[in-house]
Structure formats: C-alpha cells, structure tokens
C-alpha cells in the first residue's frame, strides 16, 4: 500500500501533537474505544514476534492508592537529588496524572517468553524490553489519533511495582500509563512550557 500526501501529513500531525499528558478530565473512556486501543498494541513490531508485553488494567482503589504512595516516595527522593534552586523547579512540575486519569495501565515485559523461540534476542535480550516500549508508543499514537491523552509515570520503584501486582518472577516492570480525556489541547510540551528542557534536534552522524 502506498500512502498519499494527506495521509503522511496526518501522521506528522499525530506525532507533533502527541504529548505526555498529566492533566486529565475525570470523564470515563468508552469501553469499545479502549478495546480498539488494546488491539493496536498487537500492530507494534516485536523481536521474533515474541509479543513480550503484559498489561494490567488497574481498577482496584487500593492498588491505585499504593501506586500513588510509591510515586510520592520516589518523587521526594528525586527532588532531594537536585540543588535547591533546581529542586524548587522540579517540585513545581506536575509529573503524574495518577489522581484523576480514569484508565491506568501497569505494563510489564516477559523477559523469557516461549513465543518467538528466542529469535533475534540471543545476543541482545534487551530487545524484549525494546519491543514493549514500541508497543507502548504504538498505543500512545493510537490514543492521540482517537483524541485521548496518555502519560507515562516513570518515577516509580520497579521492584515495588512487581511486588505490588504480584506478577511472575519473569515479568519485569516497564511502565505505568495514565490514559483518558486530556484537560486541554496544547502543542507545547509541558517541559518546554516550564523551561525545564527544550527539544534537541536528532542528527544522523556519518562515519
């Protein structure tokens, strides 16, 4: 299949308007739409077609509260690593949508799945985690195309998350995702707006 200019421009717009969303409305997300988004993860590339991502939809209030508690602990530890002026800037950032996001997903990577029969990962086992990351990015773009926002909460203790969700020993915590209707549309990333970090162009170095 060949894509025309309009389709290429649509993809470019989706990429440019994808944001790490932390401000959500408490409006529920249609279950049929969520089912379609779950299906899009199967379209992501994966090493040896292993499909190593494992996704838990977190609905239990106690589990959500435990995730928030771990985030607050890790967040305070992170803030303590910065000098005073930068610590104040760090604390001013909103780094998670855990309080309001209606859909929350804990994503793990099966680190030695039978699927794929080891193809492509013998010398680079990290390709399993990379495959999960690509599935997350695929979901992120599909959510944005459906006019939903998604954010990744990375300030968490992986071991604590694995214990909290009582996952098998060969599941490694990869990401915690918040999904829902964004509070607002903004084409300026939060970290740009806050003066924390601007984008740096990617350069392809010739050798």
N, C-alpha and C. Protein backbone atom coordinates (compact mmCIF):
# COMPACT_ATOMS: atom_id res chain seq x y z
N UNK A 1 0.85 -1.19 0.00
CA UNK A 1 0.00 0.00 0.00
C UNK A 1 0.88 1.24 0.00
N UNK A 2 0.50 2.20 -0.82
CA UNK A 2 1.20 3.48 -0.85
C UNK A 2 0.30 4.54 -0.24
N UNK A 3 0.90 5.43 0.55
CA UNK A 3 0.13 6.47 1.23
C UNK A 3 0.29 7.79 0.49
N UNK A 4 -0.79 8.58 0.48
CA UNK A 4 -0.73 9.86 -0.21
C UNK A 4 -0.25 10.95 0.75
N UNK A 5 -0.12 12.16 0.20
CA UNK A 5 0.42 13.28 0.97
C UNK A 5 -0.46 13.62 2.17
N UNK A 6 -1.77 13.57 1.98
CA UNK A 6 -2.68 13.89 3.09
C UNK A 6 -2.51 12.91 4.24
N UNK A 7 -2.34 11.63 3.92
CA UNK A 7 -2.15 10.64 4.98
C UNK A 7 -0.82 10.85 5.70
N UNK A 8 0.22 11.20 4.93
CA UNK A 8 1.51 11.48 5.54
C UNK A 8 1.43 12.70 6.45
N UNK A 9 0.67 13.72 6.03
CA UNK A 9 0.51 14.92 6.85
C UNK A 9 -0.26 14.61 8.13
N UNK A 10 -1.23 13.70 8.04
CA UNK A 10 -1.99 13.31 9.23
C UNK A 10 -1.07 12.63 10.24
N UNK A 11 -0.21 11.73 9.77
CA UNK A 11 0.73 11.08 10.67
C UNK A 11 1.65 12.11 11.31
N UNK A 12 2.13 13.06 10.52
CA UNK A 12 3.01 14.09 11.06
C UNK A 12 2.29 14.89 12.15
N UNK A 13 1.01 15.20 11.94
CA UNK A 13 0.25 15.94 12.95
C UNK A 13 0.09 15.12 14.23
N UNK A 14 -0.18 13.83 14.09
CA UNK A 14 -0.32 12.96 15.27
C UNK A 14 0.99 12.93 16.06
N UNK A 15 2.11 12.81 15.36
CA UNK A 15 3.41 12.79 16.02
C UNK A 15 3.69 14.10 16.74
N UNK A 16 3.38 15.21 16.08
CA UNK A 16 3.66 16.52 16.66
C UNK A 16 2.75 16.85 17.84
N UNK A 17 1.53 16.33 17.82
CA UNK A 17 0.57 16.63 18.87
C UNK A 17 0.54 15.57 19.97
N UNK A 18 1.34 14.54 19.84
CA UNK A 18 1.44 13.58 20.95
C UNK A 18 2.11 14.27 22.12
N UNK A 19 1.53 14.10 23.30
CA UNK A 19 2.08 14.73 24.49
C UNK A 19 2.09 13.73 25.65
N UNK A 20 3.00 13.94 26.58
CA UNK A 20 3.00 13.19 27.83
C UNK A 20 2.00 13.90 28.74
N UNK A 21 0.77 13.44 28.74
CA UNK A 21 -0.33 14.16 29.38
C UNK A 21 -0.36 13.85 30.88
N UNK A 22 -0.50 14.90 31.68
CA UNK A 22 -0.61 14.74 33.13
C UNK A 22 -1.88 15.38 33.69
N UNK A 23 -2.59 16.14 32.84
CA UNK A 23 -3.82 16.80 33.27
C UNK A 23 -5.00 16.15 32.55
N UNK A 24 -5.84 15.47 33.30
CA UNK A 24 -6.95 14.70 32.72
C UNK A 24 -8.30 15.20 33.26
N UNK A 25 -9.33 14.97 32.45
CA UNK A 25 -10.70 15.09 32.92
C UNK A 25 -11.09 13.76 33.56
N UNK A 26 -12.07 13.81 34.46
CA UNK A 26 -12.49 12.55 35.09
C UNK A 26 -13.57 11.84 34.30
N UNK A 27 -13.77 12.26 33.06
CA UNK A 27 -14.77 11.64 32.20
C UNK A 27 -14.34 10.23 31.82
N UNK A 28 -15.22 9.24 31.91
CA UNK A 28 -14.84 7.88 31.54
C UNK A 28 -14.57 7.75 30.04
N UNK A 29 -13.80 6.74 29.69
CA UNK A 29 -13.48 6.46 28.29
C UNK A 29 -14.35 5.30 27.83
N UNK A 30 -14.90 5.43 26.63
CA UNK A 30 -15.77 4.40 26.07
C UNK A 30 -15.04 3.05 26.01
N UNK A 31 -15.70 2.01 26.50
CA UNK A 31 -15.07 0.70 26.56
C UNK A 31 -14.75 0.14 25.17
N UNK A 32 -15.60 0.42 24.20
CA UNK A 32 -15.33 -0.07 22.85
C UNK A 32 -14.06 0.57 22.29
N UNK A 33 -13.85 1.86 22.61
CA UNK A 33 -12.63 2.53 22.18
C UNK A 33 -11.42 1.93 22.87
N UNK A 34 -11.53 1.65 24.15
CA UNK A 34 -10.41 1.03 24.86
C UNK A 34 -10.06 -0.33 24.27
N UNK A 35 -11.07 -1.08 23.89
CA UNK A 35 -10.82 -2.39 23.28
C UNK A 35 -10.06 -2.23 21.97
N UNK A 36 -10.43 -1.23 21.18
CA UNK A 36 -9.72 -0.99 19.91
C UNK A 36 -8.27 -0.58 20.18
N UNK A 37 -8.07 0.25 21.18
CA UNK A 37 -6.70 0.68 21.50
C UNK A 37 -5.86 -0.50 21.95
N UNK A 38 -6.44 -1.40 22.74
CA UNK A 38 -5.70 -2.59 23.17
C UNK A 38 -5.27 -3.41 21.95
N UNK A 39 -6.15 -3.50 20.97
CA UNK A 39 -5.83 -4.26 19.76
C UNK A 39 -4.68 -3.64 18.99
N UNK A 40 -4.53 -2.30 19.05
CA UNK A 40 -3.46 -1.66 18.27
C UNK A 40 -2.09 -2.06 18.77
N UNK A 41 -1.97 -2.46 20.03
CA UNK A 41 -0.65 -2.84 20.53
C UNK A 41 -0.11 -4.05 19.78
N UNK A 42 -1.01 -4.89 19.29
CA UNK A 42 -0.58 -6.07 18.52
C UNK A 42 0.03 -5.69 17.18
N UNK A 43 -0.16 -4.44 16.75
CA UNK A 43 0.42 -3.99 15.48
C UNK A 43 1.86 -3.53 15.64
N UNK A 44 2.34 -3.44 16.88
CA UNK A 44 3.71 -2.97 17.12
C UNK A 44 4.72 -4.03 16.70
N UNK A 45 5.90 -3.61 16.25
CA UNK A 45 6.95 -4.58 15.95
C UNK A 45 7.47 -5.20 17.24
N UNK A 46 7.90 -6.46 17.16
CA UNK A 46 8.50 -7.10 18.33
C UNK A 46 9.51 -8.13 17.87
N UNK A 47 10.56 -8.28 18.65
CA UNK A 47 11.64 -9.19 18.28
C UNK A 47 11.11 -10.62 18.18
N UNK A 48 11.37 -11.27 17.06
CA UNK A 48 10.95 -12.65 16.86
C UNK A 48 9.44 -12.85 16.95
N UNK A 49 8.69 -11.77 16.86
CA UNK A 49 7.23 -11.81 17.05
C UNK A 49 6.88 -12.38 18.43
N UNK A 50 7.71 -12.05 19.43
CA UNK A 50 7.53 -12.61 20.77
C UNK A 50 6.38 -11.97 21.53
N UNK A 51 6.03 -10.73 21.18
CA UNK A 51 4.94 -10.02 21.87
C UNK A 51 5.11 -10.12 23.40
N UNK A 52 6.20 -9.56 23.94
CA UNK A 52 6.50 -9.80 25.36
C UNK A 52 5.76 -8.89 26.34
N UNK A 53 4.97 -7.94 25.85
CA UNK A 53 4.31 -7.01 26.78
C UNK A 53 3.13 -7.69 27.47
N UNK A 54 3.00 -7.38 28.75
CA UNK A 54 1.91 -7.88 29.58
C UNK A 54 1.28 -6.66 30.26
N UNK A 55 -0.02 -6.49 30.08
CA UNK A 55 -0.69 -5.26 30.53
C UNK A 55 -1.76 -5.58 31.56
N UNK A 56 -1.69 -4.88 32.69
CA UNK A 56 -2.70 -4.99 33.75
C UNK A 56 -3.47 -3.69 33.81
N UNK A 57 -4.78 -3.78 33.65
CA UNK A 57 -5.63 -2.59 33.81
C UNK A 57 -5.93 -2.43 35.30
N UNK A 58 -5.47 -1.33 35.87
CA UNK A 58 -5.53 -1.14 37.32
C UNK A 58 -6.81 -0.40 37.68
N UNK A 59 -7.75 -1.11 38.26
CA UNK A 59 -9.03 -0.51 38.63
C UNK A 59 -9.26 -0.52 40.14
N UNK A 60 -8.59 -1.39 40.86
CA UNK A 60 -8.77 -1.50 42.30
C UNK A 60 -8.26 -0.24 43.00
N UNK A 61 -9.09 0.35 43.85
CA UNK A 61 -8.75 1.60 44.52
C UNK A 61 -7.52 1.45 45.42
N UNK A 62 -7.39 0.32 46.08
CA UNK A 62 -6.25 0.10 46.97
C UNK A 62 -4.94 0.01 46.17
N UNK A 63 -4.99 -0.65 45.01
CA UNK A 63 -3.80 -0.73 44.17
C UNK A 63 -3.41 0.66 43.66
N UNK A 64 -4.40 1.42 43.23
CA UNK A 64 -4.10 2.77 42.75
C UNK A 64 -3.49 3.63 43.86
N UNK A 65 -4.03 3.50 45.05
CA UNK A 65 -3.50 4.27 46.18
C UNK A 65 -2.06 3.86 46.49
N UNK A 66 -1.76 2.58 46.37
CA UNK A 66 -0.40 2.10 46.61
C UNK A 66 0.57 2.63 45.56
N UNK A 67 0.12 2.71 44.31
CA UNK A 67 0.96 3.28 43.25
C UNK A 67 1.22 4.76 43.54
N UNK A 68 0.19 5.49 43.94
CA UNK A 68 0.38 6.91 44.26
C UNK A 68 1.35 7.08 45.42
N UNK A 69 1.26 6.22 46.42
CA UNK A 69 2.17 6.32 47.57
C UNK A 69 3.61 6.07 47.15
N UNK A 70 3.83 5.09 46.29
CA UNK A 70 5.19 4.82 45.82
C UNK A 70 5.70 5.98 44.98
N UNK A 71 4.82 6.55 44.16
CA UNK A 71 5.22 7.72 43.36
C UNK A 71 5.65 8.86 44.27
N UNK A 72 4.86 9.16 45.31
CA UNK A 72 5.20 10.27 46.20
C UNK A 72 6.55 10.03 46.88
N UNK A 73 6.81 8.79 47.30
CA UNK A 73 8.08 8.49 47.93
C UNK A 73 9.25 8.67 46.97
N UNK A 74 9.12 8.11 45.77
CA UNK A 74 10.19 8.23 44.77
C UNK A 74 10.37 9.68 44.31
N UNK A 75 9.27 10.41 44.24
CA UNK A 75 9.31 11.80 43.81
C UNK A 75 10.10 12.64 44.81
N UNK A 76 9.86 12.42 46.10
CA UNK A 76 10.59 13.16 47.12
C UNK A 76 12.07 12.81 47.09
N UNK A 77 12.39 11.55 46.88
CA UNK A 77 13.79 11.14 46.79
C UNK A 77 14.47 11.79 45.59
N UNK A 78 13.74 11.87 44.48
CA UNK A 78 14.30 12.51 43.28
C UNK A 78 14.55 13.99 43.52
N UNK A 79 13.60 14.66 44.15
CA UNK A 79 13.74 16.10 44.41
C UNK A 79 14.96 16.37 45.29
N UNK A 80 15.23 15.46 46.22
CA UNK A 80 16.36 15.66 47.13
C UNK A 80 17.70 15.58 46.42
N UNK A 81 17.74 15.02 45.23
CA UNK A 81 19.00 14.91 44.48
C UNK A 81 19.38 16.20 43.77
N UNK A 82 18.44 17.15 43.67
CA UNK A 82 18.72 18.40 42.97
C UNK A 82 19.19 19.48 43.94
N UNK A 83 19.97 20.43 43.41
CA UNK A 83 20.33 21.61 44.20
C UNK A 83 19.07 22.41 44.50
N UNK A 84 19.15 23.31 45.49
CA UNK A 84 17.96 23.98 46.00
C UNK A 84 17.13 24.67 44.92
N UNK A 85 17.80 25.43 44.02
CA UNK A 85 17.04 26.17 43.01
C UNK A 85 16.38 25.22 42.02
N UNK A 86 17.08 24.18 41.62
CA UNK A 86 16.50 23.24 40.66
C UNK A 86 15.48 22.33 41.35
N UNK A 87 15.67 22.07 42.64
CA UNK A 87 14.69 21.26 43.37
C UNK A 87 13.34 21.98 43.41
N UNK A 88 13.37 23.29 43.57
CA UNK A 88 12.12 24.06 43.57
C UNK A 88 11.43 23.97 42.21
N UNK A 89 12.23 24.06 41.14
CA UNK A 89 11.67 23.93 39.79
C UNK A 89 11.11 22.53 39.56
N UNK A 90 11.82 21.54 40.08
CA UNK A 90 11.35 20.16 39.96
C UNK A 90 10.01 19.97 40.67
N UNK A 91 9.91 20.47 41.88
CA UNK A 91 8.68 20.29 42.65
C UNK A 91 7.50 21.03 42.02
N UNK A 92 7.79 22.05 41.22
CA UNK A 92 6.71 22.80 40.56
C UNK A 92 6.13 22.07 39.37
N UNK A 93 6.85 21.04 38.88
CA UNK A 93 6.37 20.29 37.73
C UNK A 93 5.26 19.32 38.17
N UNK A 94 4.27 19.16 37.31
CA UNK A 94 3.26 18.11 37.54
C UNK A 94 3.74 16.90 36.77
N UNK A 95 4.10 15.84 37.48
CA UNK A 95 4.78 14.72 36.86
C UNK A 95 3.92 13.47 36.72
N UNK A 96 2.66 13.54 37.14
CA UNK A 96 1.82 12.35 37.03
C UNK A 96 0.35 12.75 37.01
N UNK A 97 -0.45 11.91 36.34
CA UNK A 97 -1.89 12.12 36.31
C UNK A 97 -2.63 11.09 37.13
N UNK A 98 -1.98 10.59 38.17
CA UNK A 98 -2.49 9.45 38.92
C UNK A 98 -3.80 9.73 39.66
N UNK A 99 -4.03 10.97 40.02
CA UNK A 99 -5.20 11.28 40.85
C UNK A 99 -6.51 11.27 40.07
N UNK A 100 -6.44 11.57 38.76
CA UNK A 100 -7.67 11.76 38.00
C UNK A 100 -7.82 10.82 36.82
N UNK A 101 -6.72 10.41 36.20
CA UNK A 101 -6.81 9.61 34.97
C UNK A 101 -7.75 8.42 35.16
N UNK A 102 -8.78 8.29 34.33
CA UNK A 102 -9.76 7.21 34.54
C UNK A 102 -9.24 5.83 34.20
N UNK A 103 -8.27 5.74 33.28
CA UNK A 103 -7.71 4.45 32.89
C UNK A 103 -6.23 4.43 33.25
N UNK A 104 -5.82 3.40 33.98
CA UNK A 104 -4.42 3.28 34.38
C UNK A 104 -3.95 1.86 34.07
N UNK A 105 -2.78 1.78 33.44
CA UNK A 105 -2.25 0.50 32.96
C UNK A 105 -0.85 0.28 33.51
N UNK A 106 -0.64 -0.87 34.12
CA UNK A 106 0.70 -1.28 34.53
C UNK A 106 1.22 -2.24 33.46
N UNK A 107 2.34 -1.89 32.86
CA UNK A 107 2.88 -2.66 31.74
C UNK A 107 4.17 -3.35 32.17
N UNK A 108 4.25 -4.63 31.87
CA UNK A 108 5.41 -5.44 32.22
C UNK A 108 5.96 -6.09 30.95
N UNK A 109 7.21 -6.53 31.02
CA UNK A 109 7.84 -7.27 29.94
C UNK A 109 8.16 -8.68 30.41
N UNK A 110 7.66 -9.66 29.67
CA UNK A 110 8.03 -11.06 29.94
C UNK A 110 9.45 -11.24 29.42
N UNK A 111 10.39 -11.48 30.31
CA UNK A 111 11.80 -11.42 29.93
C UNK A 111 12.33 -12.72 29.31
N UNK A 112 11.53 -13.78 29.29
CA UNK A 112 11.96 -15.00 28.60
C UNK A 112 10.73 -15.77 28.10
N UNK A 113 9.97 -15.16 27.18
CA UNK A 113 8.75 -15.82 26.72
C UNK A 113 9.07 -16.98 25.77
N UNK A 114 8.19 -17.97 25.78
CA UNK A 114 8.34 -19.06 24.82
C UNK A 114 8.08 -18.57 23.40
N UNK A 115 7.18 -17.59 23.28
CA UNK A 115 6.85 -17.05 21.96
C UNK A 115 8.10 -16.45 21.32
N UNK A 116 8.23 -16.67 20.04
CA UNK A 116 9.39 -16.18 19.31
C UNK A 116 10.55 -17.15 19.30
N UNK A 117 10.55 -18.14 20.20
CA UNK A 117 11.57 -19.19 20.23
C UNK A 117 12.99 -18.63 20.27
N UNK A 118 13.15 -17.49 20.94
CA UNK A 118 14.47 -16.90 21.11
C UNK A 118 14.99 -16.14 19.91
N UNK A 119 14.22 -16.09 18.82
CA UNK A 119 14.69 -15.45 17.59
C UNK A 119 15.03 -13.98 17.81
N UNK A 120 16.27 -13.60 17.44
CA UNK A 120 16.68 -12.21 17.43
C UNK A 120 17.10 -11.63 18.77
N UNK A 121 17.05 -12.42 19.84
CA UNK A 121 17.35 -11.84 21.14
C UNK A 121 18.47 -12.57 21.88
N UNK A 122 19.11 -13.52 21.25
CA UNK A 122 20.14 -14.30 21.97
C UNK A 122 21.28 -13.41 22.42
N UNK A 123 21.77 -12.54 21.55
CA UNK A 123 22.87 -11.65 21.92
C UNK A 123 22.39 -10.31 22.45
N UNK A 124 21.09 -10.01 22.24
CA UNK A 124 20.54 -8.73 22.70
C UNK A 124 19.19 -8.95 23.37
N UNK A 125 19.19 -9.53 24.57
CA UNK A 125 17.93 -9.80 25.25
C UNK A 125 17.13 -8.54 25.56
N UNK A 126 17.81 -7.39 25.56
CA UNK A 126 17.10 -6.13 25.82
C UNK A 126 16.09 -5.80 24.73
N UNK A 127 16.16 -6.51 23.59
CA UNK A 127 15.18 -6.25 22.54
C UNK A 127 13.76 -6.60 22.99
N UNK A 128 13.63 -7.44 24.00
CA UNK A 128 12.29 -7.72 24.54
C UNK A 128 11.71 -6.46 25.18
N UNK A 129 12.50 -5.79 26.00
CA UNK A 129 12.04 -4.54 26.60
C UNK A 129 11.82 -3.47 25.54
N UNK A 130 12.69 -3.46 24.53
CA UNK A 130 12.51 -2.50 23.44
C UNK A 130 11.20 -2.77 22.70
N UNK A 131 10.85 -4.03 22.55
CA UNK A 131 9.59 -4.38 21.90
C UNK A 131 8.41 -3.85 22.71
N UNK A 132 8.47 -3.99 24.03
CA UNK A 132 7.40 -3.45 24.87
C UNK A 132 7.32 -1.94 24.73
N UNK A 133 8.47 -1.28 24.67
CA UNK A 133 8.48 0.17 24.50
C UNK A 133 7.82 0.57 23.18
N UNK A 134 8.06 -0.21 22.13
CA UNK A 134 7.43 0.11 20.85
C UNK A 134 5.92 -0.12 20.91
N UNK A 135 5.48 -1.13 21.65
CA UNK A 135 4.05 -1.35 21.80
C UNK A 135 3.40 -0.20 22.55
N UNK A 136 4.10 0.32 23.56
CA UNK A 136 3.59 1.48 24.29
C UNK A 136 3.50 2.70 23.38
N UNK A 137 4.51 2.91 22.57
CA UNK A 137 4.48 4.06 21.65
C UNK A 137 3.37 3.91 20.63
N UNK A 138 3.14 2.70 20.16
CA UNK A 138 2.04 2.45 19.23
C UNK A 138 0.71 2.81 19.89
N UNK A 139 0.53 2.38 21.13
CA UNK A 139 -0.68 2.73 21.87
C UNK A 139 -0.80 4.23 22.05
N UNK A 140 0.31 4.90 22.32
CA UNK A 140 0.33 6.34 22.55
C UNK A 140 -0.18 7.08 21.31
N UNK A 141 0.33 6.70 20.15
CA UNK A 141 -0.09 7.37 18.91
C UNK A 141 -1.55 7.06 18.60
N UNK A 142 -1.96 5.82 18.82
CA UNK A 142 -3.35 5.46 18.54
C UNK A 142 -4.30 6.21 19.47
N UNK A 143 -3.89 6.37 20.74
CA UNK A 143 -4.71 7.13 21.68
C UNK A 143 -4.83 8.59 21.24
N UNK A 144 -3.72 9.15 20.79
CA UNK A 144 -3.76 10.56 20.35
C UNK A 144 -4.63 10.71 19.12
N UNK A 145 -4.57 9.75 18.19
CA UNK A 145 -5.41 9.79 17.00
C UNK A 145 -6.88 9.67 17.36
N UNK A 146 -7.18 9.06 18.51
CA UNK A 146 -8.56 8.93 19.00
C UNK A 146 -8.94 10.09 19.91
N UNK A 147 -8.09 11.13 19.93
CA UNK A 147 -8.32 12.33 20.74
C UNK A 147 -8.33 12.05 22.23
N UNK A 148 -7.49 11.10 22.64
CA UNK A 148 -7.25 10.84 24.04
C UNK A 148 -5.81 11.21 24.37
N UNK A 149 -5.58 11.49 25.64
CA UNK A 149 -4.23 11.77 26.10
C UNK A 149 -3.68 10.58 26.87
N UNK A 150 -2.36 10.44 26.84
CA UNK A 150 -1.70 9.38 27.61
C UNK A 150 -0.43 9.94 28.22
N UNK A 151 -0.11 9.50 29.42
CA UNK A 151 1.11 9.91 30.08
C UNK A 151 1.78 8.72 30.73
N UNK A 152 3.10 8.76 30.79
CA UNK A 152 3.87 7.69 31.41
C UNK A 152 4.39 8.16 32.76
N UNK A 153 4.18 7.37 33.79
CA UNK A 153 4.70 7.67 35.13
C UNK A 153 5.98 6.86 35.31
N UNK A 154 7.11 7.54 35.27
CA UNK A 154 8.39 6.83 35.33
C UNK A 154 9.04 6.95 36.71
N UNK A 155 8.44 7.72 37.62
CA UNK A 155 9.04 7.92 38.94
C UNK A 155 8.42 6.91 39.90
N UNK A 156 8.77 5.66 39.67
CA UNK A 156 8.27 4.55 40.47
C UNK A 156 9.40 3.54 40.68
N UNK A 157 9.31 2.74 41.73
CA UNK A 157 10.29 1.71 42.02
C UNK A 157 9.86 0.43 41.30
N UNK A 158 10.61 -0.03 40.30
CA UNK A 158 10.19 -1.22 39.55
C UNK A 158 9.95 -2.44 40.45
N UNK A 159 10.86 -2.68 41.40
CA UNK A 159 10.69 -3.83 42.28
C UNK A 159 9.41 -3.71 43.10
N UNK A 160 9.11 -2.51 43.57
CA UNK A 160 7.88 -2.30 44.34
C UNK A 160 6.65 -2.58 43.50
N UNK A 161 6.70 -2.18 42.22
CA UNK A 161 5.56 -2.43 41.34
C UNK A 161 5.38 -3.92 41.08
N UNK A 162 6.48 -4.63 40.90
CA UNK A 162 6.39 -6.08 40.67
C UNK A 162 5.81 -6.79 41.89
N UNK A 163 6.20 -6.33 43.08
CA UNK A 163 5.65 -6.94 44.30
C UNK A 163 4.18 -6.55 44.49
N UNK A 164 3.87 -5.30 44.22
CA UNK A 164 2.50 -4.82 44.42
C UNK A 164 1.51 -5.61 43.57
N UNK A 165 1.87 -5.86 42.32
CA UNK A 165 0.96 -6.55 41.41
C UNK A 165 1.16 -8.07 41.42
N UNK A 166 2.08 -8.54 42.26
CA UNK A 166 2.30 -9.98 42.44
C UNK A 166 2.43 -10.70 41.09
N UNK A 167 3.28 -10.14 40.23
CA UNK A 167 3.45 -10.72 38.90
C UNK A 167 4.47 -11.86 38.96
N UNK A 168 4.50 -12.73 37.95
CA UNK A 168 5.51 -13.79 37.91
C UNK A 168 6.93 -13.23 37.93
N UNK A 169 7.87 -14.03 38.39
CA UNK A 169 9.25 -13.56 38.54
C UNK A 169 9.88 -13.17 37.21
N UNK A 170 9.39 -13.73 36.12
CA UNK A 170 9.98 -13.39 34.82
C UNK A 170 9.23 -12.26 34.11
N UNK A 171 8.45 -11.48 34.87
CA UNK A 171 7.85 -10.25 34.36
C UNK A 171 8.61 -9.07 34.96
N UNK A 172 9.12 -8.19 34.11
CA UNK A 172 9.85 -7.01 34.57
C UNK A 172 8.98 -5.77 34.36
N UNK A 173 8.87 -4.94 35.41
CA UNK A 173 8.08 -3.73 35.28
C UNK A 173 8.70 -2.81 34.23
N UNK A 174 7.85 -2.29 33.35
CA UNK A 174 8.34 -1.44 32.27
C UNK A 174 7.76 -0.04 32.32
N UNK A 175 6.47 0.10 32.59
CA UNK A 175 5.86 1.44 32.56
C UNK A 175 4.52 1.42 33.26
N UNK A 176 4.13 2.59 33.77
CA UNK A 176 2.79 2.80 34.30
C UNK A 176 2.17 3.93 33.50
N UNK A 177 1.04 3.66 32.88
CA UNK A 177 0.44 4.60 31.94
C UNK A 177 -0.89 5.13 32.46
N UNK A 178 -1.10 6.42 32.28
CA UNK A 178 -2.38 7.07 32.57
C UNK A 178 -3.02 7.44 31.24
N UNK A 179 -4.31 7.15 31.10
CA UNK A 179 -5.00 7.32 29.83
C UNK A 179 -6.37 7.94 30.07
N UNK A 180 -6.74 8.89 29.23
CA UNK A 180 -8.07 9.49 29.36
C UNK A 180 -8.20 10.73 28.50
N UNK A 181 -9.27 11.47 28.73
CA UNK A 181 -9.50 12.72 28.01
C UNK A 181 -8.63 13.81 28.63
N UNK A 182 -7.81 14.44 27.81
CA UNK A 182 -6.91 15.49 28.32
C UNK A 182 -7.72 16.71 28.74
N UNK A 183 -7.23 17.39 29.76
CA UNK A 183 -7.91 18.59 30.25
C UNK A 183 -7.88 19.70 29.21
N UNK A 184 -6.81 19.75 28.43
CA UNK A 184 -6.73 20.74 27.36
C UNK A 184 -5.80 20.24 26.27
N UNK A 185 -5.96 20.82 25.07
CA UNK A 185 -5.04 20.57 23.96
C UNK A 185 -3.98 21.64 23.97
N UNK A 186 -2.73 21.24 23.83
CA UNK A 186 -1.63 22.20 23.83
C UNK A 186 -0.53 21.63 22.95
N UNK A 187 -0.05 22.43 22.01
CA UNK A 187 1.01 21.94 21.14
C UNK A 187 2.40 22.23 21.70
N UNK A 188 2.46 22.74 22.94
CA UNK A 188 3.74 22.99 23.60
C UNK A 188 3.95 21.97 24.71
N UNK A 189 4.98 21.15 24.63
CA UNK A 189 5.22 20.18 25.70
C UNK A 189 5.37 20.85 27.06
N UNK A 190 4.92 20.17 28.11
CA UNK A 190 4.95 20.72 29.45
C UNK A 190 6.35 21.14 29.87
N UNK A 191 7.36 20.32 29.57
CA UNK A 191 8.72 20.65 29.99
C UNK A 191 9.27 21.85 29.23
N UNK A 192 8.78 22.09 28.01
CA UNK A 192 9.14 23.33 27.31
C UNK A 192 8.51 24.51 28.02
N UNK A 193 7.20 24.38 28.31
CA UNK A 193 6.44 25.46 28.90
C UNK A 193 7.02 25.84 30.27
N UNK A 194 7.52 24.84 30.99
CA UNK A 194 8.07 25.09 32.32
C UNK A 194 9.53 25.52 32.28
N UNK A 195 10.14 25.54 31.09
CA UNK A 195 11.54 25.94 30.98
C UNK A 195 12.51 24.90 31.48
N UNK A 196 12.08 23.63 31.55
CA UNK A 196 12.94 22.57 32.08
C UNK A 196 13.92 22.05 31.03
N UNK A 197 13.40 21.74 29.83
CA UNK A 197 14.25 21.16 28.79
C UNK A 197 13.59 21.36 27.42
N UNK A 198 14.33 21.94 26.50
CA UNK A 198 13.85 22.09 25.13
C UNK A 198 14.25 20.86 24.31
N UNK A 199 13.56 20.65 23.19
CA UNK A 199 13.94 19.57 22.30
C UNK A 199 15.30 19.85 21.66
N UNK A 200 16.05 18.80 21.48
CA UNK A 200 17.32 18.89 20.76
C UNK A 200 17.16 18.11 19.47
N UNK A 201 17.43 18.72 18.32
CA UNK A 201 17.25 18.01 17.04
C UNK A 201 18.09 16.73 16.99
N UNK A 202 17.52 15.70 16.38
CA UNK A 202 18.27 14.47 16.16
C UNK A 202 19.13 14.62 14.92
N UNK A 203 20.41 14.30 15.07
CA UNK A 203 21.32 14.40 13.93
C UNK A 203 21.83 13.01 13.58
N UNK A 204 21.85 12.72 12.32
CA UNK A 204 22.39 11.45 11.85
C UNK A 204 23.86 11.67 11.51
N UNK A 205 24.74 11.06 12.27
CA UNK A 205 26.18 11.26 12.08
C UNK A 205 26.70 10.29 11.04
N UNK A 206 27.41 10.83 10.08
CA UNK A 206 28.00 9.98 9.03
C UNK A 206 29.40 9.56 9.44
N UNK A 207 29.70 8.29 9.24
CA UNK A 207 31.05 7.77 9.53
C UNK A 207 31.53 6.88 8.39
